[in-house]
Amino acid sequence: MPDELIDEWVGPLSVERSGGGTPPPLSGGPDRAAVTGGGDRTRRPSWLRALLVSLVIIASGAACGAAAYRLERSLGVQPPTVEQTADGWRITARRQREFSGLALYGDRLVWQNGAAIELLELDTGRLRLLGPGPGMRATWDPAVGERYAVWFEAERRDSPSARAVVYDTRSGRRWTLTEIGSVLSYPALSGDAAVWCSTRAVHSPSINGVWIGDGIAFEVAPGRGEPVIDDGVVVWATDRIGPLVAAELASGTTWPVAAGLTRGRFTGLALAGRTVVWGQTPTAREPGRVAAIDVDGGDTTVLARGAHRLCGPAFDGRTVVWGERGPDGDRIMACRLDGPTFTVAAVAGDLVEVAVSDARVAWIAATAPARYEIVVARLPQ
C-alpha cells in the first residue's frame, strides 16, 4: 500500500460540499449549425478532454474515500483521556476500551486501545493514532524502538493473511513491511530488525523477521515461541516452561541457553545486550521468581523470589521492573542486576503489564470492570 502520513489526533471531520446548482440553458445565441456551416458536421472527440475528465473522477473518488475513512475512524475510535501528573502521565480509556501491548522506548509510549494503535510523545504530550489502516479491523500489540513502531493488522482476528506495518517517527509515515501469514506472537523490535512468530501453512510455525530499511524478510529458526531481540540477538522460549533458545542474526548461529529454570510458567521475557531476564509462576515445590542469565552461559541470578501474581518482567539494560501482589494490593517492584530490590509504586487496581526505559516506568492497570488506565512515572533515584 502507498505511504500514509500520520497526523496528530483530530476530532470528527466536517465534510463540506461546494455550493452551486445546474447552470441555466443557453438562449438567445446564434444557431450552432449556422456558425459551423451546417447541421450535419459532427464534432471530433477530444482525447485530452476525456483524459482530464477521467483523472478528475479518479482524484475525486480517492479524496472522498480518504475523507470517508478518516471520518469513520474518528467516529469509531475514541481517543483516550491524557492527563499530565507531577512526574509523568495518566491515560484513561474511554467507552470501556481495553488497553494492552504496552511498549516504552525513551520518550515514546505505544499501546493498543481496542483495535487502535496509539503513540504518546512523553516530552510534548502529543497523541497520535497510528493504525489500523483502511479495511483493517484487527490489530495486535505493538513494539517500539529508537526510530520505528511496528504492529500487525488484518481484516479479522483469525485472518491467515495479516501484515506487519511500520511507523517512522522521523518522517511521520507508515507503510506495510511484509505479509506474515497467521499471527502466533507479537512483534519485538531492535534497531532496524523486527522479529515475531507466525505461520504461512498449517503446522509450520517459525520465528521470522524483517529488516525495516530494505523490507527484506528472513527466517530465524523453525518452531514456536515469543521472541525478544536486542542488538542482533534473538531469544525465545520453545514452550511455556522453556527451554530458552538464542540466535545471532549476523552469523545465523542458534544455541540453547543453559538457564536454571523451574517448572513454573513464563510470565515474561526481556533482553538487553546479552542478558536475558524472565519471570516464572510458582509451582507446588518452588516459589515464583524473577531471574537473569547471560545468553552465552554462566550462573543464573535470582533477582526476586516468592512473587505472587507476577507481571513482567521488563528490562532496559539497567533496571529490571516487574509487578506482584503485595499485602495491600498490586505493586511495581524494581532492582538493578547488582543491587537490592525496591518498591516503585502501589497500583490502583489489578496490574496488567509493565514497561521500563531510561528512568521511566509505565504500567497498565484495570481499575474497575472494563476500565483501564496507563500510568507513566519516573523511577526513584
Protein backbone atom coordinates (compact mmCIF):
# COMPACT_ATOMS: atom_id res chain seq x y z
CA MET A 1 0.00 0.00 0.00
CA PRO A 2 1.23 3.58 -0.51
CA ASP A 3 2.83 5.51 2.31
CA GLU A 4 0.41 7.21 4.68
CA LEU A 5 1.18 10.39 6.58
CA ILE A 6 0.14 10.10 10.21
CA ASP A 7 -1.39 13.29 11.58
CA GLU A 8 -1.91 14.42 15.14
CA TRP A 9 -5.21 13.09 16.50
CA VAL A 10 -8.13 15.17 15.27
CA GLY A 11 -11.83 15.05 16.01
CA PRO A 12 -14.63 14.09 13.64
CA LEU A 13 -14.14 15.66 10.25
CA SER A 14 -16.69 18.02 8.75
CA VAL A 15 -17.16 17.35 5.06
CA GLU A 16 -18.03 20.50 3.17
CA ARG A 17 -19.67 20.50 -0.22
CA SER A 18 -19.26 23.45 -2.57
CA GLY A 19 -22.43 25.24 -3.48
CA GLY A 20 -23.86 25.98 -6.89
CA GLY A 21 -26.62 24.43 -8.95
CA THR A 22 -27.04 23.42 -12.57
CA PRO A 23 -26.27 26.34 -14.89
CA PRO A 24 -29.24 27.65 -16.87
CA PRO A 25 -29.54 26.63 -20.51
CA LEU A 26 -28.08 28.95 -23.10
CA SER A 27 -30.59 31.02 -25.00
CA GLY A 28 -30.63 33.86 -27.45
CA GLY A 29 -27.36 32.95 -29.14
CA PRO A 30 -26.79 32.17 -32.84
CA ASP A 31 -27.69 28.76 -34.24
CA ARG A 32 -24.69 26.32 -33.93
CA ALA A 33 -25.39 24.92 -37.37
CA ALA A 34 -25.11 28.35 -38.89
CA VAL A 35 -21.79 29.01 -37.24
CA THR A 36 -20.24 25.70 -38.26
CA GLY A 37 -21.58 25.81 -41.72
CA GLY A 38 -24.14 23.02 -41.48
CA GLY A 39 -26.01 20.80 -39.04
CA ASP A 40 -24.57 17.56 -40.38
CA ARG A 41 -20.99 18.28 -39.28
CA THR A 42 -20.07 16.36 -36.07
CA ARG A 43 -17.50 17.47 -33.53
CA ARG A 44 -14.39 15.29 -33.34
CA PRO A 45 -13.81 13.70 -29.93
CA SER A 46 -11.14 15.25 -27.72
CA TRP A 47 -8.96 12.56 -26.14
CA LEU A 48 -7.28 15.18 -23.99
CA ARG A 49 -10.61 16.26 -22.55
CA ALA A 50 -11.60 12.64 -21.88
CA LEU A 51 -8.29 12.03 -20.12
CA LEU A 52 -8.68 15.12 -17.95
CA VAL A 53 -12.24 14.15 -17.01
CA SER A 54 -11.08 10.64 -16.07
CA LEU A 55 -8.28 12.00 -13.90
CA VAL A 56 -10.68 14.36 -12.15
CA ILE A 57 -13.08 11.47 -11.43
CA ILE A 58 -10.28 9.28 -10.06
CA ALA A 59 -8.90 12.06 -7.87
CA SER A 60 -12.37 12.91 -6.56
CA GLY A 61 -13.04 9.27 -5.73
CA ALA A 62 -9.74 8.92 -3.90
CA ALA A 63 -10.35 12.12 -1.93
CA CYS A 64 -13.89 11.05 -0.99
CA GLY A 65 -12.63 7.60 0.03
CA ALA A 66 -9.89 9.06 2.22
CA ALA A 67 -12.32 11.50 3.80
CA ALA A 68 -14.83 8.74 4.48
CA TYR A 69 -12.12 6.54 6.02
CA ARG A 70 -10.91 9.30 8.34
CA LEU A 71 -14.47 10.18 9.28
CA GLU A 72 -15.25 6.53 10.09
CA ARG A 73 -12.03 6.18 12.08
CA SER A 74 -12.55 9.37 14.08
CA LEU A 75 -16.14 8.44 14.91
CA GLY A 76 -15.48 4.76 15.68
CA VAL A 77 -12.23 5.16 17.65
CA GLN A 78 -12.35 7.40 20.68
CA PRO A 79 -9.02 8.85 21.83
CA PRO A 80 -8.22 8.26 25.49
CA THR A 81 -8.07 10.95 28.14
CA VAL A 82 -4.45 12.07 28.63
CA GLU A 83 -3.57 13.88 31.84
CA GLN A 84 -0.16 15.12 32.94
CA THR A 85 0.80 14.30 36.53
CA ALA A 86 3.56 15.53 38.84
CA ASP A 87 6.13 13.05 37.49
CA GLY A 88 4.57 11.65 34.32
CA TRP A 89 1.24 10.90 32.66
CA ARG A 90 -2.07 9.15 33.27
CA ILE A 91 -4.01 7.83 30.25
CA THR A 92 -7.58 6.63 30.73
CA ALA A 93 -9.55 4.60 28.21
CA ARG A 94 -12.99 5.71 27.03
CA ARG A 95 -16.01 3.61 26.12
CA GLN A 96 -14.70 0.68 28.19
CA ARG A 97 -11.84 0.08 25.74
CA GLU A 98 -9.16 -2.37 26.80
CA PHE A 99 -5.53 -1.26 26.88
CA SER A 100 -2.81 -3.79 26.04
CA GLY A 101 0.55 -4.12 24.32
CA LEU A 102 2.41 -1.50 26.35
CA ALA A 103 5.75 -0.56 24.72
CA LEU A 104 8.11 2.13 26.01
CA TYR A 105 11.31 3.45 24.48
CA GLY A 106 12.83 6.76 25.59
CA ASP A 107 10.17 9.45 25.26
CA ARG A 108 7.75 7.32 23.18
CA LEU A 109 4.94 5.22 24.59
CA VAL A 110 2.89 2.97 22.28
CA TRP A 111 -0.06 0.74 23.13
CA GLN A 112 -3.21 -0.90 21.76
CA ASN A 113 -6.54 0.73 22.59
CA GLY A 114 -9.26 -1.63 21.40
CA ALA A 115 -8.32 -2.01 17.73
CA ALA A 116 -6.43 1.30 17.64
CA ILE A 117 -2.63 1.63 17.84
CA GLU A 118 -1.73 4.85 19.67
CA LEU A 119 1.51 6.70 20.39
CA LEU A 120 2.14 9.34 23.04
CA GLU A 121 5.21 11.57 22.87
CA LEU A 122 6.05 11.89 26.56
CA ASP A 123 8.11 15.08 26.17
CA THR A 124 5.32 17.01 24.42
CA GLY A 125 2.09 15.18 25.29
CA ARG A 126 1.21 14.82 21.60
CA LEU A 127 -1.05 11.83 20.94
CA ARG A 128 -1.02 10.11 17.56
CA LEU A 129 -3.30 7.45 16.06
CA LEU A 130 -1.09 5.08 14.04
CA GLY A 131 -3.50 2.33 13.00
CA PRO A 132 -5.32 0.37 11.82
CA GLY A 133 -5.25 1.24 8.13
CA PRO A 134 -8.18 1.25 5.67
CA GLY A 135 -10.14 -2.00 5.63
CA MET A 136 -8.32 -3.41 8.65
CA ARG A 137 -10.42 -4.35 11.69
CA ALA A 138 -7.92 -6.33 13.81
CA THR A 139 -4.57 -5.32 15.29
CA TRP A 140 -2.00 -6.94 17.58
CA ASP A 141 0.15 -5.49 20.36
CA PRO A 142 2.84 -3.11 19.03
CA ALA A 143 6.58 -2.75 19.61
CA VAL A 144 8.58 0.49 19.63
CA GLY A 145 12.28 1.27 19.26
CA GLU A 146 14.64 4.16 18.71
CA ARG A 147 13.07 5.14 15.38
CA TYR A 148 10.24 2.78 14.46
CA ALA A 149 6.99 1.36 15.81
CA VAL A 150 5.78 -1.99 14.41
CA TRP A 151 2.47 -3.83 14.75
CA PHE A 152 0.26 -6.30 12.86
CA GLU A 153 -3.03 -5.63 11.07
CA ALA A 154 -5.62 -7.85 9.39
CA GLU A 155 -9.21 -7.76 8.18
CA ARG A 156 -10.21 -10.03 11.08
CA ARG A 157 -8.60 -11.64 14.09
CA ASP A 158 -8.40 -15.15 12.60
CA SER A 159 -7.14 -13.97 9.22
CA PRO A 160 -4.44 -16.14 7.61
CA SER A 161 -3.02 -13.06 5.87
CA ALA A 162 -2.01 -10.50 8.49
CA ARG A 163 0.58 -7.90 7.60
CA ALA A 164 3.36 -6.12 9.50
CA VAL A 165 3.06 -2.34 9.46
CA VAL A 166 5.72 0.19 10.47
CA TYR A 167 5.59 3.84 11.54
CA ASP A 168 8.69 6.01 11.15
CA THR A 169 8.87 8.57 13.97
CA ARG A 170 11.30 10.73 11.97
CA SER A 171 9.30 11.10 8.75
CA GLY A 172 5.82 10.60 10.23
CA ARG A 173 4.97 7.96 7.62
CA ARG A 174 3.68 4.38 7.84
CA TRP A 175 3.82 1.56 5.34
CA THR A 176 3.35 -2.18 5.05
CA LEU A 177 6.54 -4.12 5.73
CA THR A 178 5.56 -7.64 4.72
CA GLU A 179 2.76 -10.19 4.70
CA ILE A 180 3.29 -12.53 7.65
CA GLY A 181 0.51 -15.15 7.44
CA SER A 182 -1.15 -16.24 10.69
CA VAL A 183 0.00 -14.41 13.83
CA LEU A 184 1.43 -16.60 16.63
CA SER A 185 3.22 -13.90 18.68
CA TYR A 186 3.53 -10.15 18.97
CA PRO A 187 6.42 -8.32 17.29
CA ALA A 188 9.68 -7.41 19.02
CA LEU A 189 11.91 -4.62 17.73
CA SER A 190 15.54 -3.55 17.96
CA GLY A 191 17.12 -1.01 15.66
CA ASP A 192 16.33 -1.94 12.05
CA ALA A 193 15.15 -5.50 12.80
CA ALA A 194 11.72 -6.77 13.86
CA VAL A 195 11.00 -10.41 14.77
CA TRP A 196 7.91 -12.48 15.61
CA CYS A 197 6.43 -15.97 15.31
CA SER A 198 3.98 -16.77 12.53
CA THR A 199 2.97 -19.48 10.11
CA ARG A 200 2.08 -19.49 6.44
CA ALA A 201 0.96 -23.12 6.36
CA VAL A 202 -0.70 -25.48 8.82
CA HIS A 203 1.70 -26.94 11.41
CA SER A 204 4.72 -24.99 10.09
CA PRO A 205 5.38 -22.17 12.60
CA SER A 206 8.69 -20.35 12.64
CA ILE A 207 10.47 -17.39 14.21
CA ASN A 208 10.55 -14.81 11.42
CA GLY A 209 11.71 -11.26 10.93
CA VAL A 210 12.27 -8.36 8.56
CA TRP A 211 14.86 -5.68 8.04
CA ILE A 212 12.84 -2.48 8.10
CA GLY A 213 15.18 -0.37 5.97
CA ASP A 214 15.04 -2.55 2.86
CA GLY A 215 11.96 -4.69 3.63
CA ILE A 216 13.86 -7.99 3.33
CA ALA A 217 12.12 -10.76 5.31
CA PHE A 218 14.03 -13.67 6.85
CA GLU A 219 13.54 -16.78 8.98
CA VAL A 220 15.42 -17.05 12.28
CA ALA A 221 14.53 -20.66 13.10
CA PRO A 222 11.62 -23.11 12.75
CA GLY A 223 9.30 -23.71 15.69
CA ARG A 224 7.07 -21.77 18.07
CA GLY A 225 7.98 -19.06 20.54
CA GLU A 226 7.52 -15.43 21.55
CA PRO A 227 10.86 -13.89 20.59
CA VAL A 228 12.61 -10.85 22.03
CA ILE A 229 15.51 -9.11 20.29
CA ASP A 230 18.33 -6.71 21.09
CA ASP A 231 21.34 -5.75 19.00
CA GLY A 232 21.02 -8.68 16.59
CA VAL A 233 20.47 -11.36 19.25
CA VAL A 234 17.09 -13.13 19.42
CA VAL A 235 15.88 -15.20 22.39
CA TRP A 236 12.67 -17.20 22.82
CA ALA A 237 11.18 -19.99 24.91
CA THR A 238 10.14 -23.05 22.94
CA ASP A 239 7.36 -23.84 25.43
CA ARG A 240 5.53 -22.22 28.33
CA ILE A 241 8.11 -23.61 30.75
CA GLY A 242 11.15 -23.50 28.46
CA PRO A 243 13.80 -24.19 27.46
CA LEU A 244 15.30 -20.94 26.15
CA VAL A 245 16.96 -20.69 22.75
CA ALA A 246 19.14 -17.88 21.36
CA ALA A 247 20.11 -16.95 17.81
CA GLU A 248 22.52 -14.41 16.34
CA LEU A 249 21.27 -12.80 13.14
CA ALA A 250 24.72 -11.87 11.80
CA SER A 251 26.13 -15.39 11.92
CA GLY A 252 22.91 -17.40 11.73
CA THR A 253 24.04 -19.39 14.80
CA THR A 254 21.41 -20.86 17.13
CA TRP A 255 22.15 -22.36 20.57
CA PRO A 256 20.34 -23.38 23.79
CA VAL A 257 20.58 -21.03 26.76
CA ALA A 258 21.58 -23.03 29.83
CA ALA A 259 19.29 -21.21 32.24
CA GLY A 260 18.29 -22.56 35.62
CA LEU A 261 14.52 -22.80 35.08
CA THR A 262 11.78 -24.01 37.41
CA ARG A 263 8.65 -25.82 36.26
CA GLY A 264 6.67 -22.61 36.52
CA ARG A 265 5.04 -20.95 33.50
CA PHE A 266 6.84 -18.00 31.94
CA THR A 267 5.23 -14.65 32.78
CA GLY A 268 7.56 -12.55 30.67
CA LEU A 269 10.86 -12.47 28.82
CA ALA A 270 13.11 -9.43 28.28
CA LEU A 271 16.50 -8.98 26.65
CA ALA A 272 19.05 -6.16 26.81
CA GLY A 273 22.53 -6.64 25.43
CA ARG A 274 23.28 -10.30 26.04
CA THR A 275 21.42 -10.55 29.34
CA VAL A 276 18.00 -12.20 29.33
CA VAL A 277 15.57 -11.73 32.23
CA TRP A 278 12.42 -13.77 32.83
CA GLY A 279 9.68 -14.45 35.34
CA GLN A 280 8.07 -17.77 36.27
CA THR A 281 4.94 -18.54 38.25
CA PRO A 282 5.09 -20.56 41.49
CA THR A 283 4.69 -24.32 41.47
CA ALA A 284 3.82 -26.79 44.24
CA ARG A 285 7.52 -27.07 45.10
CA GLU A 286 9.02 -23.74 44.04
CA PRO A 287 8.02 -20.09 44.57
CA GLY A 288 7.51 -17.65 41.76
CA ARG A 289 10.64 -15.78 40.83
CA VAL A 290 12.42 -13.29 38.57
CA ALA A 291 15.85 -14.39 37.28
CA ALA A 292 18.55 -13.44 34.78
CA ILE A 293 21.40 -15.06 32.85
CA ASP A 294 23.89 -14.23 30.11
CA VAL A 295 22.82 -15.84 26.82
CA ASP A 296 26.36 -17.17 26.36
CA GLY A 297 26.20 -19.14 29.61
CA GLY A 298 27.09 -18.78 33.27
CA ASP A 299 25.16 -18.87 36.51
CA THR A 300 21.50 -17.96 36.84
CA THR A 301 20.97 -14.93 39.09
CA VAL A 302 17.70 -14.93 41.07
CA LEU A 303 16.57 -11.31 41.39
CA ALA A 304 13.32 -11.87 43.30
CA ARG A 305 11.82 -14.93 44.94
CA GLY A 306 8.33 -15.61 46.29
CA ALA A 307 6.47 -13.21 43.96
CA HIS A 308 2.71 -13.81 43.69
CA ARG A 309 0.64 -12.85 40.65
CA LEU A 310 3.82 -11.95 38.84
CA CYS A 311 3.58 -9.48 35.92
CA GLY A 312 6.54 -9.00 33.61
CA PRO A 313 9.46 -8.50 33.98
CA ALA A 314 10.69 -5.66 31.76
CA PHE A 315 14.38 -4.79 31.37
CA ASP A 316 16.15 -1.86 29.69
CA GLY A 317 19.76 -2.90 30.34
CA ARG A 318 19.97 -1.08 33.67
CA THR A 319 16.78 -1.68 35.62
CA VAL A 320 14.56 -4.76 35.93
CA VAL A 321 10.90 -3.94 36.67
CA TRP A 322 8.02 -6.30 37.46
CA GLY A 323 4.64 -6.33 39.16
CA GLU A 324 3.49 -8.53 42.02
CA ARG A 325 0.70 -8.86 44.58
CA GLY A 326 1.69 -7.40 47.97
CA PRO A 327 -0.17 -7.37 51.29
CA ASP A 328 -2.06 -4.21 50.30
CA GLY A 329 -2.64 -4.93 46.62
CA ASP A 330 -0.60 -4.92 43.42
CA ARG A 331 2.67 -3.02 43.34
CA ILE A 332 5.56 -2.21 40.98
CA MET A 333 8.95 -3.57 42.05
CA ALA A 334 12.41 -2.95 40.60
CA CYS A 335 16.10 -3.72 41.05
CA ARG A 336 19.44 -3.33 39.35
CA LEU A 337 21.20 -6.52 38.35
CA ASP A 338 23.73 -5.98 41.14
CA GLY A 339 21.56 -4.14 43.65
CA PRO A 340 18.70 -4.57 46.13
CA THR A 341 15.00 -4.75 45.32
CA PHE A 342 12.89 -1.64 45.93
CA THR A 343 9.24 -0.63 45.58
CA VAL A 344 8.43 1.81 42.78
CA ALA A 345 4.71 2.42 43.32
CA ALA A 346 1.46 0.97 44.59
CA VAL A 347 -1.02 0.19 41.83
CA ALA A 348 -4.66 1.22 41.91
CA GLY A 349 -6.45 -1.88 40.60
CA ASP A 350 -5.19 -5.07 39.02
CA LEU A 351 -1.84 -4.83 37.25
CA VAL A 352 -1.84 -5.98 33.61
CA GLU A 353 1.52 -5.02 32.04
CA VAL A 354 4.75 -3.19 32.87
CA ALA A 355 7.46 -1.43 30.82
CA VAL A 356 10.68 0.44 31.59
CA SER A 357 13.06 2.69 29.65
CA ASP A 358 15.55 5.43 30.54
CA ALA A 359 14.48 6.00 34.17
CA ARG A 360 10.79 5.86 33.25
CA VAL A 361 8.40 3.11 34.22
CA ALA A 362 4.91 2.55 32.79
CA TRP A 363 2.12 0.13 33.58
CA ILE A 364 -1.42 -0.80 32.60
CA ALA A 365 -3.96 -1.43 35.35
CA ALA A 366 -7.59 -2.47 35.31
CA THR A 367 -9.03 -0.01 37.82
CA ALA A 368 -12.64 -1.25 37.56
CA PRO A 369 -14.60 -3.75 35.46
CA ALA A 370 -13.86 -2.89 31.80
CA ARG A 371 -11.96 0.27 32.82
CA TYR A 372 -8.26 0.61 32.09
CA GLU A 373 -5.57 3.21 32.64
CA ILE A 374 -1.89 3.65 31.82
CA VAL A 375 0.42 5.36 34.29
CA VAL A 376 3.87 6.71 33.39
CA ALA A 377 6.20 7.76 36.21
CA ARG A 378 9.84 8.40 36.98
CA LEU A 379 11.86 5.70 38.69
CA PRO A 380 13.06 6.62 42.20
CA GLN A 381 16.66 7.83 42.18
